[in-house]
Amino acid sequence: MSTYKVTVYTGREAIADTMNSIYLTLMDSEKQSSERTLVNHLSSTFEKEFSLDIQVKKKIGNIVQVKLKKEKHLVNYPWFCKHIKVQSPSGDCFEFPCYCWLVDENELMIREGTARLPQDDTKSFQEQRKDELESRQKIFRGVYLGLEKFVGLFESWKGIADFEKILEYLGTLGHKTAVLENVMQDWNKDYMFGYQFLNGCNPVMIRKCMQLPDKFPVTHEMVEGSLKRGHTLQEELQAGNIYIADYEILKDVPAASKRYLTAPICLLYKNDLNQIVPIAIQLSQTPGEMSPIFLPSDNEYDWMLAKMWVKSSDFNVHQLVTHLLKTHLVSEVFEIAMYRQLSSVHPVYKLLMPHVRFTIAINAEAREKLISKNGIFSKVGSISVDGMGTLMQNGMTLTYKSLCFPEEIKARGMEDVPKYYYRDDGMRIWEAINCFVFAVVKIYYDSDEKVQQDEEIQGFVKDVACFGMNNSDRAAGRDRTRECGCPSLWWWCFLKGSSGLLSARGFSADFPKSLESREQLVEYLTVVIFTASAQHAAVNFGQFDWYAWIPNSPSTMRKPPPQKKGQVDMKHIMQSLPDRDCSSTVLGTVWALSQIQENERFLGKYPDVYFTEQPVKEAINTFCHKLQEVTNIIKSRNEELTLAYCYLSPDKIPNSVAI
C-alpha cells in the first residue's frame, strides 16, 4: 500500500468553503485511480489549507489528473479550490492549479500544471481538451457598472466658481489630486487645453497635420498672431508643428433630448515653449457663414465656449469609443475567444487568465447601468441611446494594427512630439510586455511550425477575427452567430434598451485569421495584454483628475453651438454647461471609475499560480524587475514635472479591465 500526501488550498473569497461533501480522486496517465476520498465533512472547520493522506492499494503511475466531486446535502453551497499539491511515495511533487468554483453537484477534472500545446498532448488528453472546449462554447454565447445617481436640482450654475460647491457637497475636496487642483486653476488657459490632447483622458485623438483638409479652411491671416516663430502657416505645416483633432466620428450622431452635440475640428500648434496650444476651432464638419472658425484673438467668451464644445465632444468620444469600445469590449472579445478555443492546460490560456479577470462581469454591469436606456451615461451625455449605437458603428473602423501601440503612435505622426508622456510610458510598457511574452512563447514553441500546427491557438485567433471582430459575413447573408453560438462584438455592443439594431458593417477585416510565426504570436498576445492593462489604465484612471472640474470637460451642452461670433456672454455659457443634477452625477461617476480596487492585482503580479514550470516563473520574475525599472524611471521624471503623469506607471496599472 502506497501513501500519497495531498494538500488542498481553498480561496479567501467569501463563501469559498462549503458544508457539502467534496471527494477527491487521484488519476494516472492510464486512468488508474485511487479510491475517492472525502476531503471535508459536515463538521469541518473553514480552513484555507488542509492536508490528508490517501492510501492506494494498487500501484499507480505518476499522477496526471485530480478529480473533484461535490455532493450537496440539504443546502447547496459553492466551494472554491485554488490549487492542489500531491506528493508521491517516492517524494515527487505534482501541482494542480484550479482556481475554480464547484457550484452544483458537478465533477471537475484538474490537469497537472505543466502547460502543453494540443499537438504535444496524448490522444486521450486531446479528446478531453475538445470536450472541455465544446462545453465552454455552449456557455460563452455572449454576455450588462452600477453607480447610484446623486440627487440634484435641474438648475443652471450661477458662475464658474459655483462648480466647486459640488466638490464640497460630495465630500471630495479632501481627495483633490495635484492634477485636479491645476485643472481647477488653469482650465481656461490654452496650454492646459492643449496638454490634455497629449496626456489627458483621451490622448489618442491628436495627430500631426501636414495639409489642412478642405472642410477646415483656416488661412494664415486667421492664425498669424498665434504663430510665434514668424513663419507662415504653410511653413509651420511643412515643419511638422501643426496638429489636428477631428471629431468627424460624431457627424450625424443623434443627440439626446434637450441636449446638443456637434462634430468639431480643432487645429493645434507646437509653440516655441514646446506647448501644444489651440489656434483655430470650427464647431462642425461643414464650413460656411453659419459655422465660423473661432480663434484665440476672438473675444474671451467666444473662445472659451468654442473650447468647451471641443472638450464636450471629446468627453463623449472618450467614454463610448476610446474607453468602452476599444478597451472594455475589445478585451471581452479576447476573453470569450480564449474560453471558447483554449484548453485550460494551454500555455496561452495560463498566460492570459490574469489579464481577463472580471472583464465579462464588469462589462455586464456597464451595459445595464451605464449605457442602457436608463443608464447613467444616457442621463449625463449628449448622445441619445440610438445615437450611442451610431457612434459605436462609426468606431468600428478599429483595425488590428491600431491596437499595436507603436504602430498607432506612428500612424498619427506622434513619434517626436515633446512632453507626450502617454507615448513615452506606453512604449516602455509595450516593450516590457513584448519581451515577457516572447520569453514565454519560446519555451513552448521552438519553431514557427509549432505555431502553425497549434489548432487551439489558430482557433482562438480565428474566433476573434471572424466571430468577435469582423461581421462581414453577416452582411453577405451568413449568420455567424448561429454557426459558432457566439455573437460578434457588434452584437455585444448592442445597447440594452435601444430601439434599433446596429448596422452590419462590422470591424475592419484586417484582424488576422491565422498566425504563421512566433513573431506574429508574440505581437498578438502583446496586443491582448497591453489593451487590457496599460491602455485601459491610460484612458480610465484619469477621469476624476480631468472631468471632476465640469467646465473643463462638460459631459453635455444644453444650448446649441454658436453660429456667429460676438453673441455669447458668461450667462449664456453657464446656461450651456451641465446643470446641477447632471454635474453631480458626472462627478460621482468619474470618482468611482477612477478608484483602484481593494486588493488590486497590478501588472506582472500573479498571485494565482497557473504556471508551474520554473522557466516561466523566471520569465515572470524578469518581467517584474523590468516593470520596476520602468516605475522608477517614471517616478524620477514626475518629480521634475508640475503635472505628474502617473496613469502608465506599472505600479498603478491593473492586470485587467476590472473597473
Foldseek 3Di string as FASTA:
>chain_A
DWKKKKKWFFDPDPLQDDQWWKWKWFADPVRDIAPIDTPAHNPDDPDRMDMDIGDGDDDDDDTFKMKMWTDGDPDWGKHFTQWMWMATRVGDIWIWGDGDIDGHRDMDITGTQAFAFLVPDDPVVNVVLVVQLVVLLLVAQFAAAADDFDDDDQFFDPFLVCLVVLCVVVVCPVVADLLQVVCSVCLQPQLNLQVCCQFNLPVQQKFFALDDDPLFDDAQVQQVVVAPVNDGPNVQSNVRFKMKGWQCLLPPQAWDPLFEAETKMWMWGLHPVLGTGTAWMWGHSHDDLQTDIDGPPAPSVLSLVRSQNVLLSVLVCLVLALACPQFLLLLVLLVSLCSNQPGLSHLLVLVCVQAAPQSSVNRSNCLVADLAQPHLLCVFAGGHSVSSLSSVVSNQQDAPLCLQLVSSCVVRVNPDRPPSVLNVLLVLLLVLLLLLLLLSLCVHDVWLVSQVPRRRVLSSQQSCQDAAFAQVVVVVPDDVCVVSVHHYSQVSSNRHNDPDHHDRGTHDNNRDSGGRTSSVVSSNSSSSQCSFWQSNLSNFQNLLSQPLSCSSRANTFSDYRGRDGDDDDSVNVSNGGRRPSSSSRSNSVSVVRNDDDPPFAFPLRDPSPSHDDPSSVVSSVVSVVSLVVSLVVLVVVQVPDSDRRCSSNRVNIGRGPND
